[in-house]
Amino acid sequence: MERSRIGRRIKAYRKLKGYTQVDFAKVIGVSLNELGSIERGTREISEELLEKIAETLIIDKEEILG
């Protein structure tokens, strides 16, 4: 499933950049539950949030999309 793959990539990049889930959720402006759902692939991610995540991680959003 596409969402699952994207979620795994977000989680991997988040960890590579040294963010905990709690800290990252605060920085991108979502709840911890929402971030967890995105990383597990059970929640759809908006284009706006995807861009915010990529910007925060200092990567191109295409790296997240694969």
C-alpha atoms as a PDB file:
ATOM      1  CA  MET A   1       0.000   0.000   0.000  1.00  0.00           C
ATOM      2  CA  GLU A   2       1.281   3.440  -0.953  1.00  0.00           C
ATOM      3  CA  ARG A   3       0.486   5.090   2.405  1.00  0.00           C
ATOM      4  CA  SER A   4       2.388   2.404   4.269  1.00  0.00           C
ATOM      5  CA  ARG A   5       5.526   2.907   2.157  1.00  0.00           C
ATOM      6  CA  ILE A   6       5.360   6.692   2.529  1.00  0.00           C
ATOM      7  CA  GLY A   7       4.876   6.339   6.283  1.00  0.00           C
ATOM      8  CA  ARG A   8       7.892   4.071   6.612  1.00  0.00           C
ATOM      9  CA  ARG A   9      10.010   6.558   4.655  1.00  0.00           C
ATOM     10  CA  ILE A  10       8.867   9.471   6.830  1.00  0.00           C
ATOM     11  CA  LYS A  11       9.726   7.488   9.952  1.00  0.00           C
ATOM     12  CA  ALA A  12      13.155   6.521   8.604  1.00  0.00           C
ATOM     13  CA  TYR A  13      14.056  10.093   7.609  1.00  0.00           C
ATOM     14  CA  ARG A  14      12.725  11.429  10.926  1.00  0.00           C
ATOM     15  CA  LYS A  15      14.982   9.038  12.826  1.00  0.00           C
ATOM     16  CA  LEU A  16      17.977   9.818  10.592  1.00  0.00           C
ATOM     17  CA  LYS A  17      17.553  13.501  11.417  1.00  0.00           C
ATOM     18  CA  GLY A  18      17.389  12.721  15.146  1.00  0.00           C
ATOM     19  CA  TYR A  19      13.762  13.652  15.839  1.00  0.00           C
ATOM     20  CA  THR A  20      11.629  11.772  18.334  1.00  0.00           C
ATOM     21  CA  GLN A  21       7.981  11.334  17.387  1.00  0.00           C
ATOM     22  CA  VAL A  22       6.965  13.830  20.060  1.00  0.00           C
ATOM     23  CA  ASP A  23       9.404  16.510  18.915  1.00  0.00           C
ATOM     24  CA  PHE A  24       8.676  15.996  15.233  1.00  0.00           C
ATOM     25  CA  ALA A  25       4.921  16.148  15.742  1.00  0.00           C
ATOM     26  CA  LYS A  26       5.317  19.489  17.530  1.00  0.00           C
ATOM     27  CA  VAL A  27       7.545  20.927  14.806  1.00  0.00           C
ATOM     28  CA  ILE A  28       5.202  19.988  11.956  1.00  0.00           C
ATOM     29  CA  GLY A  29       2.096  20.966  13.898  1.00  0.00           C
ATOM     30  CA  VAL A  30       0.222  17.679  14.234  1.00  0.00           C
ATOM     31  CA  SER A  31      -0.740  15.528  17.204  1.00  0.00           C
ATOM     32  CA  LEU A  32       1.385  12.579  18.208  1.00  0.00           C
ATOM     33  CA  ASN A  33      -1.512  10.281  17.295  1.00  0.00           C
ATOM     34  CA  GLU A  34      -1.762  11.786  13.816  1.00  0.00           C
ATOM     35  CA  LEU A  35       1.970  11.396  13.187  1.00  0.00           C
ATOM     36  CA  GLY A  36       1.830   7.799  14.409  1.00  0.00           C
ATOM     37  CA  SER A  37      -1.064   7.066  12.062  1.00  0.00           C
ATOM     38  CA  ILE A  38       0.803   8.608   9.136  1.00  0.00           C
ATOM     39  CA  GLU A  39       3.943   6.602   9.880  1.00  0.00           C
ATOM     40  CA  ARG A  40       1.912   3.375  10.173  1.00  0.00           C
ATOM     41  CA  GLY A  41       0.178   4.153   6.894  1.00  0.00           C
ATOM     42  CA  THR A  42      -3.323   4.213   8.371  1.00  0.00           C
ATOM     43  CA  ARG A  43      -3.918   7.900   7.671  1.00  0.00           C
ATOM     44  CA  GLU A  44      -3.795   9.798   4.394  1.00  0.00           C
ATOM     45  CA  ILE A  45      -1.291  12.654   4.260  1.00  0.00           C
ATOM     46  CA  SER A  46      -2.179  15.969   2.643  1.00  0.00           C
ATOM     47  CA  GLU A  47       0.075  17.595   0.069  1.00  0.00           C
ATOM     48  CA  GLU A  48       0.529  20.555   2.416  1.00  0.00           C
ATOM     49  CA  LEU A  49       1.660  18.351   5.299  1.00  0.00           C
ATOM     50  CA  LEU A  50       3.953  16.353   3.018  1.00  0.00           C
ATOM     51  CA  GLU A  51       5.643  19.581   1.974  1.00  0.00           C
ATOM     52  CA  LYS A  52       5.976  20.687   5.609  1.00  0.00           C
ATOM     53  CA  ILE A  53       7.544  17.336   6.536  1.00  0.00           C
ATOM     54  CA  ALA A  54      10.015  17.482   3.639  1.00  0.00           C
ATOM     55  CA  GLU A  55      10.934  21.076   4.488  1.00  0.00           C
ATOM     56  CA  THR A  56      11.484  20.209   8.153  1.00  0.00           C
ATOM     57  CA  LEU A  57      13.624  17.182   7.283  1.00  0.00           C
ATOM     58  CA  ILE A  58      15.510  19.241   4.663  1.00  0.00           C
ATOM     59  CA  ILE A  59      14.809  16.760   1.881  1.00  0.00           C
ATOM     60  CA  ASP A  60      12.886  16.852  -1.366  1.00  0.00           C
ATOM     61  CA  LYS A  61       9.353  15.507  -1.068  1.00  0.00           C
ATOM     62  CA  GLU A  62      10.141  13.158  -3.970  1.00  0.00           C
ATOM     63  CA  GLU A  63      12.530  11.327  -1.620  1.00  0.00           C
ATOM     64  CA  ILE A  64       9.556  10.563   0.615  1.00  0.00           C
ATOM     65  CA  LEU A  65       7.337   9.551  -2.284  1.00  0.00           C
ATOM     66  CA  GLY A  66      10.015   7.299  -3.723  1.00  0.00           C
END
